[in-house]
Each structure stands twice: as structure tokens, then as C-alpha cells.
Amino acid sequence: MLKRIFLTLWGLTLLFALGIGMPRAEEKVTGEEAEKVRGFIESYVKKDSALKGGFLIYDGKENKALNLKYDYVHKGVGKTESGEYFACVDFSDINKNTYDVDVYVSKKGEEWDITKLVIHKVNGKDRLKK
């Protein structure tokens, strides 16, 4: 079990590192397509949280693992130039800090997959702007 958690955190660290500076949406996604993206992300976050006792993500900027509580998926969905979709998801921690995590997904055939997680804001402060 610990090995699985370690590997998950390591993988999320890599995803976080790769996600910094990634291009934001080239286009907004609406309608049924946006609903499917939000639905997949919400389902993923809820299942992952139930399995692990919270949504675990590594914060490379603060060099620590976070155990977050899911709040909601934002209504807006974007699509990058490379074809990835993303939506912002709000979380909080035990200390009442708020986190806005950009969850990127891609679709291959009928299957959706999480491609990266990026901590976008902490307590409303944008972490991606330089």
C-alpha cells in the first residue's frame, strides 16, 4: 500500500513538473462535450478520494504532499492547442486553505484519461503567473 502511494505521489510530482507553463485553453468548450469532460473529472476525483481517503497531490513548489477535500468542478472547460481538455477543480485542506487544481484530460476513442494535474491557485493567489 505504501509503495502504491509513493508511486502515485512520484507520478503526480512528474505531472506537476511537466504542467508548469503549459499553454492554457486555445478554445472554450461548451454543451455536451463540456459536460462529459466535467463529468469524467468529477467521477475521477470522487473515486480517487474515496480510495485514498482524500485527493492526494504533491505540491512541488512547497515540497510537500497534500491531502485535499473535493469541493466542485468549475463550469468552464477549455481545450489546448494539443487537444487536451481541462477544467479547474476546487479543493480545501484540513487548515481551510483553498486550492484550484487544473485537471487536464485527453480522450482516446471512448476512453478518457487524466494527463496532468497543475496547482493553479492557493487561497486565491495565482501560482502560474511569473
N, C-alpha and C. Protein backbone atom coordinates (compact mmCIF):
# COMPACT_ATOMS: atom_id res chain seq x y z
N MET A 1 0.82 -1.19 0.00
CA MET A 1 0.00 0.00 0.00
C MET A 1 0.87 1.26 0.00
N LEU A 2 1.90 1.29 0.83
CA LEU A 2 2.80 2.44 0.88
C LEU A 2 3.53 2.62 -0.44
N LYS A 3 3.91 1.50 -1.04
CA LYS A 3 4.59 1.57 -2.33
C LYS A 3 3.69 2.21 -3.37
N ARG A 4 2.41 1.85 -3.36
CA ARG A 4 1.45 2.40 -4.31
C ARG A 4 1.28 3.90 -4.09
N ILE A 5 1.19 4.33 -2.83
CA ILE A 5 1.06 5.75 -2.52
C ILE A 5 2.31 6.50 -2.97
N PHE A 6 3.49 5.92 -2.68
CA PHE A 6 4.75 6.55 -3.09
C PHE A 6 4.79 6.71 -4.61
N LEU A 7 4.44 5.65 -5.33
CA LEU A 7 4.47 5.72 -6.79
C LEU A 7 3.47 6.74 -7.32
N THR A 8 2.30 6.81 -6.68
CA THR A 8 1.30 7.79 -7.08
C THR A 8 1.82 9.20 -6.87
N LEU A 9 2.39 9.46 -5.70
CA LEU A 9 2.93 10.79 -5.41
C LEU A 9 4.08 11.14 -6.35
N TRP A 10 4.93 10.16 -6.65
CA TRP A 10 6.03 10.39 -7.58
C TRP A 10 5.49 10.76 -8.95
N GLY A 11 4.48 10.01 -9.39
CA GLY A 11 3.88 10.29 -10.69
C GLY A 11 3.22 11.66 -10.74
N LEU A 12 2.54 12.03 -9.66
CA LEU A 12 1.91 13.34 -9.61
C LEU A 12 2.95 14.45 -9.60
N THR A 13 4.08 14.19 -8.95
CA THR A 13 5.17 15.17 -8.95
C THR A 13 5.64 15.41 -10.38
N LEU A 14 5.80 14.35 -11.11
CA LEU A 14 6.23 14.46 -12.50
C LEU A 14 5.19 15.22 -13.32
N LEU A 15 3.92 14.88 -13.12
CA LEU A 15 2.86 15.57 -13.85
C LEU A 15 2.85 17.05 -13.50
N PHE A 16 3.03 17.36 -12.21
CA PHE A 16 3.05 18.75 -11.79
C PHE A 16 4.21 19.48 -12.45
N ALA A 17 5.37 18.86 -12.44
CA ALA A 17 6.56 19.49 -13.03
C ALA A 17 6.35 19.74 -14.52
N LEU A 18 5.75 18.82 -15.20
CA LEU A 18 5.51 18.98 -16.63
C LEU A 18 4.40 19.97 -16.92
N GLY A 19 3.50 20.15 -15.95
CA GLY A 19 2.35 21.02 -16.16
C GLY A 19 2.66 22.50 -16.04
N ILE A 20 3.71 22.86 -15.34
CA ILE A 20 4.02 24.27 -15.16
C ILE A 20 4.32 24.89 -16.51
N GLY A 21 3.68 26.02 -16.76
CA GLY A 21 3.92 26.74 -18.01
C GLY A 21 3.23 26.14 -19.22
N MET A 22 2.38 25.15 -19.01
CA MET A 22 1.68 24.56 -20.14
C MET A 22 0.69 25.59 -20.70
N PRO A 23 0.43 25.54 -21.98
CA PRO A 23 -0.49 26.52 -22.57
C PRO A 23 -1.90 26.34 -22.03
N ARG A 24 -2.56 27.44 -21.81
CA ARG A 24 -3.95 27.40 -21.38
C ARG A 24 -4.82 27.16 -22.61
N ALA A 25 -6.10 27.28 -22.42
CA ALA A 25 -7.04 26.93 -23.48
C ALA A 25 -6.86 27.78 -24.73
N GLU A 26 -6.92 27.13 -25.84
CA GLU A 26 -6.96 27.82 -27.11
C GLU A 26 -8.42 28.09 -27.47
N GLU A 27 -9.30 27.30 -26.92
CA GLU A 27 -10.73 27.48 -27.19
C GLU A 27 -11.55 27.04 -25.99
N LYS A 28 -12.72 27.64 -25.86
CA LYS A 28 -13.64 27.24 -24.80
C LYS A 28 -14.51 26.10 -25.35
N VAL A 29 -14.84 25.17 -24.45
CA VAL A 29 -15.66 24.03 -24.83
C VAL A 29 -17.00 24.18 -24.12
N THR A 30 -18.09 23.95 -24.84
CA THR A 30 -19.42 24.13 -24.26
C THR A 30 -20.29 22.91 -24.56
N GLY A 31 -21.50 22.96 -24.04
CA GLY A 31 -22.51 21.96 -24.35
C GLY A 31 -22.19 20.57 -23.82
N GLU A 32 -22.60 19.57 -24.59
CA GLU A 32 -22.46 18.17 -24.20
C GLU A 32 -21.00 17.77 -24.01
N GLU A 33 -20.13 18.29 -24.87
CA GLU A 33 -18.71 17.97 -24.77
C GLU A 33 -18.14 18.44 -23.42
N ALA A 34 -18.48 19.65 -23.01
CA ALA A 34 -18.03 20.19 -21.72
C ALA A 34 -18.60 19.37 -20.57
N GLU A 35 -19.86 18.99 -20.67
CA GLU A 35 -20.49 18.17 -19.63
C GLU A 35 -19.78 16.84 -19.45
N LYS A 36 -19.38 16.22 -20.54
CA LYS A 36 -18.66 14.93 -20.48
C LYS A 36 -17.31 15.10 -19.80
N VAL A 37 -16.60 16.19 -20.13
CA VAL A 37 -15.29 16.44 -19.51
C VAL A 37 -15.47 16.65 -18.01
N ARG A 38 -16.40 17.53 -17.63
CA ARG A 38 -16.65 17.79 -16.20
C ARG A 38 -17.09 16.52 -15.48
N GLY A 39 -17.95 15.75 -16.11
CA GLY A 39 -18.44 14.51 -15.50
C GLY A 39 -17.32 13.51 -15.26
N PHE A 40 -16.42 13.37 -16.24
CA PHE A 40 -15.30 12.45 -16.07
C PHE A 40 -14.39 12.92 -14.95
N ILE A 41 -14.07 14.21 -14.93
CA ILE A 41 -13.18 14.75 -13.90
C ILE A 41 -13.80 14.57 -12.51
N GLU A 42 -15.07 14.90 -12.38
CA GLU A 42 -15.73 14.76 -11.07
C GLU A 42 -15.74 13.30 -10.62
N SER A 43 -16.05 12.40 -11.52
CA SER A 43 -16.07 10.97 -11.19
C SER A 43 -14.69 10.50 -10.77
N TYR A 44 -13.67 10.91 -11.51
CA TYR A 44 -12.29 10.52 -11.19
C TYR A 44 -11.90 11.01 -9.80
N VAL A 45 -12.14 12.29 -9.53
CA VAL A 45 -11.75 12.88 -8.24
C VAL A 45 -12.48 12.20 -7.09
N LYS A 46 -13.77 11.96 -7.24
CA LYS A 46 -14.54 11.31 -6.18
C LYS A 46 -14.06 9.88 -5.92
N LYS A 47 -13.82 9.11 -6.98
CA LYS A 47 -13.35 7.73 -6.82
C LYS A 47 -11.95 7.70 -6.21
N ASP A 48 -11.07 8.56 -6.69
CA ASP A 48 -9.70 8.62 -6.18
C ASP A 48 -9.70 9.03 -4.70
N SER A 49 -10.53 10.00 -4.35
CA SER A 49 -10.63 10.46 -2.96
C SER A 49 -11.16 9.36 -2.05
N ALA A 50 -12.16 8.63 -2.51
CA ALA A 50 -12.73 7.55 -1.70
C ALA A 50 -11.70 6.43 -1.50
N LEU A 51 -10.94 6.13 -2.53
CA LEU A 51 -9.94 5.07 -2.46
C LEU A 51 -8.80 5.42 -1.51
N LYS A 52 -8.39 6.68 -1.50
CA LYS A 52 -7.20 7.09 -0.74
C LYS A 52 -7.52 7.88 0.53
N GLY A 53 -8.78 8.13 0.81
CA GLY A 53 -9.12 8.91 2.00
C GLY A 53 -8.90 10.40 1.80
N GLY A 54 -8.91 10.86 0.58
CA GLY A 54 -8.71 12.26 0.23
C GLY A 54 -8.02 12.31 -1.12
N PHE A 55 -8.01 13.49 -1.73
CA PHE A 55 -7.35 13.63 -3.02
C PHE A 55 -5.90 13.99 -2.76
N LEU A 56 -4.99 13.09 -3.09
CA LEU A 56 -3.57 13.29 -2.83
C LEU A 56 -2.89 13.90 -4.04
N ILE A 57 -2.12 14.96 -3.78
CA ILE A 57 -1.37 15.63 -4.84
C ILE A 57 -0.09 16.17 -4.22
N TYR A 58 0.98 16.14 -4.97
CA TYR A 58 2.25 16.65 -4.49
C TYR A 58 2.41 18.10 -4.93
N ASP A 59 2.71 18.96 -3.99
CA ASP A 59 2.95 20.37 -4.26
C ASP A 59 4.45 20.58 -4.37
N GLY A 60 4.95 20.63 -5.59
CA GLY A 60 6.38 20.78 -5.82
C GLY A 60 6.92 22.12 -5.37
N LYS A 61 6.11 23.14 -5.41
CA LYS A 61 6.56 24.47 -5.00
C LYS A 61 6.79 24.53 -3.49
N GLU A 62 5.93 23.86 -2.73
CA GLU A 62 6.06 23.81 -1.27
C GLU A 62 6.78 22.55 -0.80
N ASN A 63 7.08 21.65 -1.74
CA ASN A 63 7.78 20.40 -1.45
C ASN A 63 7.07 19.56 -0.38
N LYS A 64 5.76 19.35 -0.59
CA LYS A 64 5.00 18.54 0.36
C LYS A 64 3.80 17.89 -0.32
N ALA A 65 3.39 16.77 0.25
CA ALA A 65 2.19 16.08 -0.22
C ALA A 65 0.97 16.73 0.43
N LEU A 66 -0.09 16.87 -0.34
CA LEU A 66 -1.33 17.45 0.16
C LEU A 66 -2.43 16.39 0.14
N ASN A 67 -3.28 16.42 1.15
CA ASN A 67 -4.46 15.57 1.20
C ASN A 67 -5.64 16.52 1.18
N LEU A 68 -6.32 16.60 0.04
CA LEU A 68 -7.35 17.60 -0.17
C LEU A 68 -8.75 17.02 -0.19
N LYS A 69 -9.71 17.88 0.15
CA LYS A 69 -11.12 17.52 0.12
C LYS A 69 -11.75 18.19 -1.11
N TYR A 70 -12.42 17.40 -1.92
CA TYR A 70 -13.07 17.89 -3.14
C TYR A 70 -14.22 18.82 -2.81
N ASP A 71 -14.32 19.92 -3.57
CA ASP A 71 -15.45 20.84 -3.45
C ASP A 71 -16.31 20.77 -4.71
N TYR A 72 -15.77 21.25 -5.85
CA TYR A 72 -16.54 21.19 -7.09
C TYR A 72 -15.65 21.41 -8.31
N VAL A 73 -16.21 21.05 -9.49
CA VAL A 73 -15.55 21.30 -10.77
C VAL A 73 -16.16 22.59 -11.32
N HIS A 74 -15.31 23.53 -11.74
CA HIS A 74 -15.81 24.77 -12.34
C HIS A 74 -16.58 24.47 -13.61
N LYS A 75 -17.47 25.36 -13.97
CA LYS A 75 -18.29 25.18 -15.16
C LYS A 75 -17.47 25.30 -16.45
N GLY A 76 -16.49 26.18 -16.47
CA GLY A 76 -15.71 26.41 -17.69
C GLY A 76 -14.80 25.24 -18.02
N VAL A 77 -14.78 24.87 -19.29
CA VAL A 77 -13.90 23.83 -19.80
C VAL A 77 -13.15 24.41 -20.99
N GLY A 78 -11.85 24.14 -21.05
CA GLY A 78 -11.04 24.61 -22.16
C GLY A 78 -10.41 23.45 -22.90
N LYS A 79 -9.89 23.78 -24.07
CA LYS A 79 -9.20 22.79 -24.88
C LYS A 79 -7.91 23.43 -25.38
N THR A 80 -6.79 22.75 -25.15
CA THR A 80 -5.49 23.29 -25.56
C THR A 80 -5.25 23.04 -27.04
N GLU A 81 -4.23 23.67 -27.54
CA GLU A 81 -3.83 23.51 -28.93
C GLU A 81 -3.52 22.05 -29.25
N SER A 82 -2.99 21.32 -28.25
CA SER A 82 -2.62 19.92 -28.46
C SER A 82 -3.81 18.97 -28.33
N GLY A 83 -5.00 19.51 -28.03
CA GLY A 83 -6.19 18.67 -27.97
C GLY A 83 -6.58 18.18 -26.59
N GLU A 84 -5.83 18.58 -25.56
CA GLU A 84 -6.20 18.21 -24.19
C GLU A 84 -7.31 19.14 -23.71
N TYR A 85 -8.22 18.57 -22.94
CA TYR A 85 -9.25 19.35 -22.28
C TYR A 85 -8.78 19.64 -20.86
N PHE A 86 -9.31 20.71 -20.27
CA PHE A 86 -9.04 20.92 -18.86
C PHE A 86 -10.16 21.70 -18.21
N ALA A 87 -10.28 21.48 -16.91
CA ALA A 87 -11.22 22.23 -16.07
C ALA A 87 -10.56 22.44 -14.72
N CYS A 88 -10.92 23.53 -14.08
CA CYS A 88 -10.42 23.82 -12.74
C CYS A 88 -11.30 23.11 -11.72
N VAL A 89 -10.66 22.58 -10.69
CA VAL A 89 -11.37 21.89 -9.62
C VAL A 89 -10.97 22.53 -8.31
N ASP A 90 -11.96 22.85 -7.49
CA ASP A 90 -11.69 23.45 -6.18
C ASP A 90 -11.62 22.39 -5.10
N PHE A 91 -10.62 22.55 -4.23
CA PHE A 91 -10.39 21.66 -3.09
C PHE A 91 -10.09 22.52 -1.87
N SER A 92 -10.08 21.89 -0.70
CA SER A 92 -9.62 22.55 0.52
C SER A 92 -8.85 21.51 1.34
N ASP A 93 -8.05 22.02 2.28
CA ASP A 93 -7.33 21.12 3.17
C ASP A 93 -7.86 21.27 4.59
N ILE A 94 -7.30 20.51 5.50
CA ILE A 94 -7.75 20.50 6.89
C ILE A 94 -7.59 21.86 7.57
N ASN A 95 -6.67 22.69 7.05
CA ASN A 95 -6.42 24.03 7.61
C ASN A 95 -7.24 25.12 6.93
N LYS A 96 -8.20 24.70 6.10
CA LYS A 96 -9.09 25.60 5.38
C LYS A 96 -8.41 26.41 4.27
N ASN A 97 -7.24 25.97 3.83
CA ASN A 97 -6.62 26.56 2.65
C ASN A 97 -7.40 26.06 1.44
N THR A 98 -7.53 26.91 0.45
CA THR A 98 -8.24 26.51 -0.77
C THR A 98 -7.24 26.32 -1.91
N TYR A 99 -7.53 25.35 -2.75
CA TYR A 99 -6.66 25.01 -3.88
C TYR A 99 -7.50 24.92 -5.15
N ASP A 100 -7.02 25.55 -6.20
CA ASP A 100 -7.63 25.44 -7.52
C ASP A 100 -6.64 24.61 -8.34
N VAL A 101 -7.06 23.42 -8.69
CA VAL A 101 -6.20 22.50 -9.44
C VAL A 101 -6.74 22.35 -10.85
N ASP A 102 -5.90 22.62 -11.84
CA ASP A 102 -6.28 22.40 -13.23
C ASP A 102 -6.07 20.92 -13.53
N VAL A 103 -7.14 20.26 -13.94
CA VAL A 103 -7.09 18.84 -14.26
C VAL A 103 -7.19 18.71 -15.78
N TYR A 104 -6.14 18.19 -16.38
CA TYR A 104 -6.08 18.00 -17.83
C TYR A 104 -6.45 16.57 -18.17
N VAL A 105 -7.26 16.41 -19.21
CA VAL A 105 -7.69 15.08 -19.65
C VAL A 105 -7.58 14.99 -21.17
N SER A 106 -7.46 13.75 -21.62
CA SER A 106 -7.48 13.51 -23.06
C SER A 106 -8.41 12.34 -23.32
N LYS A 107 -8.84 12.24 -24.56
CA LYS A 107 -9.75 11.17 -24.94
C LYS A 107 -9.14 10.39 -26.09
N LYS A 108 -9.08 9.07 -25.90
CA LYS A 108 -8.61 8.18 -26.95
C LYS A 108 -9.74 7.20 -27.23
N GLY A 109 -10.37 7.36 -28.37
CA GLY A 109 -11.55 6.54 -28.67
C GLY A 109 -12.67 6.94 -27.73
N GLU A 110 -13.16 5.97 -26.97
CA GLU A 110 -14.22 6.24 -25.99
C GLU A 110 -13.68 6.38 -24.57
N GLU A 111 -12.37 6.24 -24.40
CA GLU A 111 -11.75 6.27 -23.07
C GLU A 111 -11.17 7.64 -22.74
N TRP A 112 -11.44 8.11 -21.53
CA TRP A 112 -10.86 9.35 -21.01
C TRP A 112 -9.70 8.99 -20.10
N ASP A 113 -8.71 9.89 -20.05
CA ASP A 113 -7.54 9.66 -19.20
C ASP A 113 -7.07 11.00 -18.62
N ILE A 114 -6.66 10.99 -17.36
CA ILE A 114 -6.07 12.17 -16.73
C ILE A 114 -4.63 12.28 -17.26
N THR A 115 -4.26 13.45 -17.77
CA THR A 115 -2.92 13.61 -18.32
C THR A 115 -2.00 14.41 -17.41
N LYS A 116 -2.55 15.39 -16.68
CA LYS A 116 -1.72 16.13 -15.72
C LYS A 116 -2.60 16.90 -14.75
N LEU A 117 -2.00 17.20 -13.60
CA LEU A 117 -2.64 17.99 -12.55
C LEU A 117 -1.72 19.17 -12.26
N VAL A 118 -2.28 20.38 -12.24
CA VAL A 118 -1.48 21.57 -12.01
C VAL A 118 -2.14 22.40 -10.92
N ILE A 119 -1.42 22.66 -9.84
CA ILE A 119 -1.95 23.54 -8.80
C ILE A 119 -1.88 24.96 -9.35
N HIS A 120 -3.04 25.51 -9.64
CA HIS A 120 -3.14 26.80 -10.29
C HIS A 120 -3.20 27.95 -9.28
N LYS A 121 -4.00 27.78 -8.24
CA LYS A 121 -4.14 28.82 -7.22
C LYS A 121 -4.15 28.20 -5.83
N VAL A 122 -3.60 28.95 -4.87
CA VAL A 122 -3.69 28.58 -3.46
C VAL A 122 -4.23 29.81 -2.74
N ASN A 123 -5.35 29.61 -2.03
CA ASN A 123 -6.03 30.71 -1.34
C ASN A 123 -6.27 31.90 -2.26
N GLY A 124 -6.63 31.60 -3.51
CA GLY A 124 -6.96 32.62 -4.49
C GLY A 124 -5.78 33.27 -5.18
N LYS A 125 -4.57 32.94 -4.76
CA LYS A 125 -3.37 33.55 -5.36
C LYS A 125 -2.87 32.66 -6.51
N ASP A 126 -2.76 33.24 -7.69
CA ASP A 126 -2.32 32.53 -8.88
C ASP A 126 -0.86 32.15 -8.76
N ARG A 127 -0.58 30.84 -8.93
CA ARG A 127 0.81 30.36 -8.82
C ARG A 127 1.47 30.18 -10.18
N LEU A 128 0.74 30.36 -11.25
CA LEU A 128 1.31 30.15 -12.57
C LEU A 128 1.86 31.42 -13.19
N LYS A 129 1.41 32.56 -12.70
CA LYS A 129 1.93 33.82 -13.22
C LYS A 129 3.30 34.08 -12.67
N LYS A 130 4.16 34.65 -13.48
CA LYS A 130 5.53 34.92 -13.05
C LYS A 130 5.66 36.29 -12.47
